[in-house]
Amino acid sequence: MSTMETFKATTKILEGGLSVESSSRNFKVVLDEPKSLGGTDKGMNPVELVLCALGGCQGIVAKAYAKHKGIDLKDFRVELEGDLDVRGFKGDPNVRPGFQEIRFKMYMKTDASPEKVKEFAQFIENTCPVGDSLTNGVSLKLSDVVVEKP
């Protein structure tokens, strides 16, 4: 019995600027770039969404496992920031286009001891699928290019 689950998403370009619409299941999000990077600022840019995905994943893991780990979690938030040299996005072949580093700080409202909270934070970091994908890399495979006539 396989425990592998496949998640799917579709992204299409929108009129004007650099905006795109991404969808998965019945949910949609508009992404764009800030005006300083040639966009129209209609939404978060993809790397901001990566930070949100990481924080969202960590929050879900925290909510899903707090009771099981003996943590009475009253509130949780994570603040994230990442460094990216935009010269890579703008085409400089000598600069990597992705994040160089992502930093995050977890805030937990709980009566648990600091030692137990730090242990739980480590568990969250070790269990989050998005964090694992960013830390260990994932194989990206272009499976096909389909030419559609206008």
Protein backbone atom coordinates (compact mmCIF):
# COMPACT_ATOMS: atom_id res chain seq x y z
CA MET A 1 0.00 0.00 0.00
CA SER A 2 1.52 3.28 -1.12
CA THR A 3 1.49 6.26 1.20
CA MET A 4 2.67 8.61 -1.56
CA GLU A 5 0.28 11.48 -2.24
CA THR A 6 0.52 13.68 -5.33
CA PHE A 7 -0.35 17.36 -5.04
CA LYS A 8 -1.12 19.39 -8.16
CA ALA A 9 -1.15 23.06 -9.12
CA THR A 10 -1.58 25.09 -12.33
CA THR A 11 -0.23 28.55 -13.08
CA LYS A 12 -1.21 30.77 -15.99
CA ILE A 13 -0.11 34.26 -16.99
CA LEU A 14 -2.55 37.16 -16.68
CA GLU A 15 -2.90 40.32 -18.77
CA GLY A 16 -0.58 43.20 -17.88
CA GLY A 17 2.65 43.36 -15.96
CA LEU A 18 4.12 40.13 -14.66
CA SER A 19 1.06 38.85 -12.79
CA VAL A 20 0.08 35.20 -12.85
CA GLU A 21 -2.71 33.15 -11.31
CA SER A 22 -1.90 29.89 -9.57
CA SER A 23 -4.55 27.39 -8.57
CA SER A 24 -4.71 24.15 -6.66
CA ARG A 25 -7.91 22.26 -5.89
CA ASN A 26 -10.58 25.02 -5.67
CA PHE A 27 -8.22 27.77 -4.48
CA LYS A 28 -6.55 30.56 -6.44
CA VAL A 29 -3.86 33.12 -5.69
CA VAL A 30 -2.58 35.99 -7.83
CA LEU A 31 1.17 36.50 -7.78
CA ASP A 32 3.07 39.46 -9.18
CA GLU A 33 6.29 41.33 -8.70
CA PRO A 34 6.67 44.70 -7.01
CA LYS A 35 6.93 47.68 -9.35
CA SER A 36 10.65 47.89 -8.58
CA LEU A 37 11.08 44.48 -10.28
CA GLY A 38 8.84 45.20 -13.28
CA GLY A 39 5.51 44.05 -11.90
CA THR A 40 2.25 45.79 -11.08
CA ASP A 41 2.21 44.82 -7.37
CA LYS A 42 -1.13 42.94 -7.59
CA GLY A 43 0.01 40.25 -5.18
CA MET A 44 2.90 38.65 -3.38
CA ASN A 45 5.79 37.57 -5.52
CA PRO A 46 6.66 33.86 -5.71
CA VAL A 47 9.55 34.04 -3.23
CA GLU A 48 7.32 35.82 -0.70
CA LEU A 49 4.84 33.00 -1.20
CA VAL A 50 7.65 30.50 -0.51
CA LEU A 51 8.20 32.24 2.85
CA CYS A 52 4.45 32.10 3.51
CA ALA A 53 4.37 28.41 2.54
CA LEU A 54 7.18 27.64 4.98
CA GLY A 55 5.54 29.59 7.80
CA GLY A 56 2.15 28.08 6.99
CA CYS A 57 3.59 24.58 7.04
CA GLN A 58 5.29 25.19 10.38
CA GLY A 59 2.04 26.56 11.82
CA ILE A 60 0.08 23.54 10.63
CA VAL A 61 2.65 21.16 12.11
CA ALA A 62 2.51 23.11 15.40
CA LYS A 63 -1.30 22.89 15.52
CA ALA A 64 -1.40 19.25 14.45
CA TYR A 65 1.15 17.97 16.98
CA ALA A 66 1.07 20.32 20.01
CA LYS A 67 -1.31 18.21 22.12
CA HIS A 68 0.42 14.97 21.12
CA LYS A 69 3.74 16.49 22.23
CA GLY A 70 2.25 17.70 25.54
CA ILE A 71 2.24 21.39 24.59
CA ASP A 72 -0.82 23.48 25.46
CA LEU A 73 -0.36 25.89 22.57
CA LYS A 74 -2.42 29.06 23.09
CA ASP A 75 -0.96 30.91 20.10
CA PHE A 76 1.75 30.45 17.48
CA ARG A 77 3.29 32.65 14.84
CA VAL A 78 6.46 32.58 12.83
CA GLU A 79 8.24 35.55 11.30
CA LEU A 80 10.34 34.76 8.24
CA GLU A 81 12.79 36.62 6.04
CA GLY A 82 14.96 35.54 3.17
CA ASP A 83 17.90 37.07 1.33
CA LEU A 84 17.89 37.00 -2.46
CA ASP A 85 20.21 38.84 -4.83
CA VAL A 86 17.84 40.20 -7.52
CA ARG A 87 20.68 40.33 -10.07
CA GLY A 88 20.09 36.60 -10.57
CA PHE A 89 16.40 37.18 -11.40
CA LYS A 90 17.45 39.97 -13.76
CA GLY A 91 19.69 37.61 -15.74
CA ASP A 92 23.18 37.88 -14.24
CA PRO A 93 24.65 34.41 -14.93
CA ASN A 94 27.12 34.81 -12.06
CA VAL A 95 24.41 35.21 -9.41
CA ARG A 96 22.15 32.44 -8.19
CA PRO A 97 18.50 33.53 -8.63
CA GLY A 98 17.15 31.84 -5.50
CA PHE A 99 17.27 32.51 -1.79
CA GLN A 100 20.75 32.53 -0.28
CA GLU A 101 19.36 32.15 3.25
CA ILE A 102 15.98 32.01 4.98
CA ARG A 103 15.72 32.90 8.66
CA PHE A 104 12.69 32.40 10.86
CA LYS A 105 11.70 33.04 14.45
CA MET A 106 8.89 31.09 16.15
CA TYR A 107 6.70 32.66 18.81
CA MET A 108 4.72 30.27 21.01
CA LYS A 109 2.27 31.23 23.72
CA THR A 110 2.29 28.33 26.18
CA ASP A 111 2.92 27.45 29.80
CA ALA A 112 5.37 24.71 28.76
CA SER A 113 8.98 24.97 29.91
CA PRO A 114 11.50 26.70 27.64
CA GLU A 115 13.29 23.35 27.19
CA LYS A 116 10.08 21.62 26.07
CA VAL A 117 9.23 24.52 23.73
CA LYS A 118 12.70 24.40 22.12
CA GLU A 119 12.34 20.63 21.68
CA PHE A 120 8.92 21.18 20.07
CA ALA A 121 10.35 23.87 17.78
CA GLN A 122 13.00 21.38 16.64
CA PHE A 123 10.28 18.80 16.03
CA ILE A 124 8.34 21.34 13.92
CA GLU A 125 11.46 22.12 11.90
CA ASN A 126 12.20 18.41 11.37
CA THR A 127 8.59 17.52 10.43
CA CYS A 128 7.57 20.38 8.09
CA PRO A 129 7.46 19.12 4.45
CA VAL A 130 8.10 22.60 3.01
CA GLY A 131 11.12 23.09 5.27
CA ASP A 132 12.43 19.67 4.29
CA SER A 133 11.98 20.48 0.59
CA LEU A 134 13.90 23.75 0.98
CA THR A 135 16.65 22.29 3.16
CA ASN A 136 17.28 19.08 1.25
CA GLY A 137 16.26 20.14 -2.22
CA VAL A 138 13.76 18.43 -4.45
CA SER A 139 14.18 17.01 -7.92
CA LEU A 140 12.62 19.37 -10.48
CA LYS A 141 11.77 17.70 -13.80
CA LEU A 142 10.34 19.41 -16.86
CA SER A 143 8.19 16.53 -18.08
CA ASP A 144 7.05 18.07 -21.38
CA VAL A 145 6.60 21.26 -23.37
CA VAL A 146 3.31 21.45 -25.27
CA VAL A 147 3.03 23.98 -28.11
CA GLU A 148 -0.52 25.24 -28.45
CA LYS A 149 -1.48 27.18 -31.56
CA PRO A 150 -3.14 30.58 -30.90
